[in-house]
Amino acid sequence: MIFELDLDRPQHRAIVRRYRELARADVPIRVVASAEQAARYAEELRGIELLTHVPTVADLDGFAAEVEAADRI
């Protein structure tokens, strides 16, 4: 799953945390955020990869491969 949310909003951080709680540990979750938000909420969103740039085609291909690998298990 890839989210692009406003991490300055508590309800948006709660959405991401809830997905992490409900998803299997091998399900990759990414959040697109500013560098400032990534630093500010790094501890709170531990276990979630924070991207500080708009995902490129290469990022999305890599992510798709991770999802596919998780689905095989």
C-alpha atoms as a PDB file:
ATOM      1  CA  MET A   1       0.000   0.000   0.000  1.00  0.00           C
ATOM      2  CA  ILE A   2       1.187   3.490  -0.756  1.00  0.00           C
ATOM      3  CA  PHE A   3      -0.353   6.449   1.032  1.00  0.00           C
ATOM      4  CA  GLU A   4       0.027  10.124   0.314  1.00  0.00           C
ATOM      5  CA  LEU A   5      -1.501  11.756   3.362  1.00  0.00           C
ATOM      6  CA  ASP A   6      -0.985  14.880   5.411  1.00  0.00           C
ATOM      7  CA  LEU A   7       0.936  13.438   8.340  1.00  0.00           C
ATOM      8  CA  ASP A   8       0.414  16.652  10.287  1.00  0.00           C
ATOM      9  CA  ARG A   9      -3.186  15.515  10.727  1.00  0.00           C
ATOM     10  CA  PRO A  10      -3.507  13.033  13.629  1.00  0.00           C
ATOM     11  CA  GLN A  11      -6.280  11.121  11.884  1.00  0.00           C
ATOM     12  CA  HIS A  12      -4.037  10.509   8.871  1.00  0.00           C
ATOM     13  CA  ARG A  13      -1.279   9.101  11.070  1.00  0.00           C
ATOM     14  CA  ALA A  14      -3.904   6.929  12.752  1.00  0.00           C
ATOM     15  CA  ILE A  15      -4.946   5.521   9.365  1.00  0.00           C
ATOM     16  CA  VAL A  16      -1.383   4.473   8.592  1.00  0.00           C
ATOM     17  CA  ARG A  17      -0.853   2.953  12.056  1.00  0.00           C
ATOM     18  CA  ARG A  18      -4.104   1.000  11.770  1.00  0.00           C
ATOM     19  CA  TYR A  19      -3.131  -0.460   8.403  1.00  0.00           C
ATOM     20  CA  ARG A  20       0.228  -1.515   9.900  1.00  0.00           C
ATOM     21  CA  GLU A  21      -1.598  -3.181  12.803  1.00  0.00           C
ATOM     22  CA  LEU A  22      -4.022  -5.055  10.548  1.00  0.00           C
ATOM     23  CA  ALA A  23      -1.730  -6.025   7.676  1.00  0.00           C
ATOM     24  CA  ARG A  24       0.631  -8.962   7.842  1.00  0.00           C
ATOM     25  CA  ALA A  25       4.180  -7.945   8.743  1.00  0.00           C
ATOM     26  CA  ASP A  26       5.394  -8.811   5.235  1.00  0.00           C
ATOM     27  CA  VAL A  27       2.900  -6.480   3.517  1.00  0.00           C
ATOM     28  CA  PRO A  28       4.874  -3.419   2.408  1.00  0.00           C
ATOM     29  CA  ILE A  29       3.470  -0.029   3.341  1.00  0.00           C
ATOM     30  CA  ARG A  30       4.910   3.262   2.122  1.00  0.00           C
ATOM     31  CA  VAL A  31       3.924   6.829   2.931  1.00  0.00           C
ATOM     32  CA  VAL A  32       4.807   9.804   0.750  1.00  0.00           C
ATOM     33  CA  ALA A  33       5.604  12.754   3.001  1.00  0.00           C
ATOM     34  CA  SER A  34       7.759  15.843   3.121  1.00  0.00           C
ATOM     35  CA  ALA A  35      11.260  15.489   4.559  1.00  0.00           C
ATOM     36  CA  GLU A  36      10.145  17.525   7.565  1.00  0.00           C
ATOM     37  CA  GLN A  37       7.180  15.234   8.224  1.00  0.00           C
ATOM     38  CA  ALA A  38       9.342  12.130   7.768  1.00  0.00           C
ATOM     39  CA  ALA A  39      11.715  13.430  10.448  1.00  0.00           C
ATOM     40  CA  ARG A  40       8.940  14.686  12.737  1.00  0.00           C
ATOM     41  CA  TYR A  41       6.945  11.427  12.709  1.00  0.00           C
ATOM     42  CA  ALA A  42       9.731   8.858  12.202  1.00  0.00           C
ATOM     43  CA  GLU A  43       9.377   7.440  15.710  1.00  0.00           C
ATOM     44  CA  GLU A  44       5.585   7.358  15.613  1.00  0.00           C
ATOM     45  CA  LEU A  45       5.553   5.604  12.219  1.00  0.00           C
ATOM     46  CA  ARG A  46       8.366   3.140  12.877  1.00  0.00           C
ATOM     47  CA  GLY A  47       8.035   0.136  10.558  1.00  0.00           C
ATOM     48  CA  ILE A  48       6.556   2.252   7.759  1.00  0.00           C
ATOM     49  CA  GLU A  49       8.824   3.407   4.956  1.00  0.00           C
ATOM     50  CA  LEU A  50       8.544   7.161   4.481  1.00  0.00           C
ATOM     51  CA  LEU A  51       9.303   8.450   0.973  1.00  0.00           C
ATOM     52  CA  THR A  52      10.241  12.102   0.757  1.00  0.00           C
ATOM     53  CA  HIS A  53       9.822  12.305  -3.007  1.00  0.00           C
ATOM     54  CA  VAL A  54       7.093  11.504  -5.496  1.00  0.00           C
ATOM     55  CA  PRO A  55       7.544   7.811  -6.302  1.00  0.00           C
ATOM     56  CA  THR A  56       9.263   7.183  -9.619  1.00  0.00           C
ATOM     57  CA  VAL A  57       8.494   4.358 -12.010  1.00  0.00           C
ATOM     58  CA  ALA A  58      11.469   2.491 -10.551  1.00  0.00           C
ATOM     59  CA  ASP A  59      10.115   2.980  -7.000  1.00  0.00           C
ATOM     60  CA  LEU A  60       6.721   1.655  -8.065  1.00  0.00           C
ATOM     61  CA  ASP A  61       8.244  -1.325  -9.900  1.00  0.00           C
ATOM     62  CA  GLY A  62      10.242  -2.223  -6.806  1.00  0.00           C
ATOM     63  CA  PHE A  63       7.171  -1.827  -4.649  1.00  0.00           C
ATOM     64  CA  ALA A  64       5.127  -4.050  -6.995  1.00  0.00           C
ATOM     65  CA  ALA A  65       7.820  -6.727  -6.713  1.00  0.00           C
ATOM     66  CA  GLU A  66       7.623  -6.568  -2.913  1.00  0.00           C
ATOM     67  CA  VAL A  67       3.833  -6.887  -3.007  1.00  0.00           C
ATOM     68  CA  GLU A  68       4.062  -9.830  -5.380  1.00  0.00           C
ATOM     69  CA  ALA A  69       6.597 -11.535  -3.105  1.00  0.00           C
ATOM     70  CA  ALA A  70       4.344 -10.988  -0.068  1.00  0.00           C
ATOM     71  CA  ASP A  71       1.395 -12.480  -1.961  1.00  0.00           C
ATOM     72  CA  ARG A  72       3.337 -15.665  -2.709  1.00  0.00           C
ATOM     73  CA  ILE A  73       3.774 -16.490   0.973  1.00  0.00           C
END
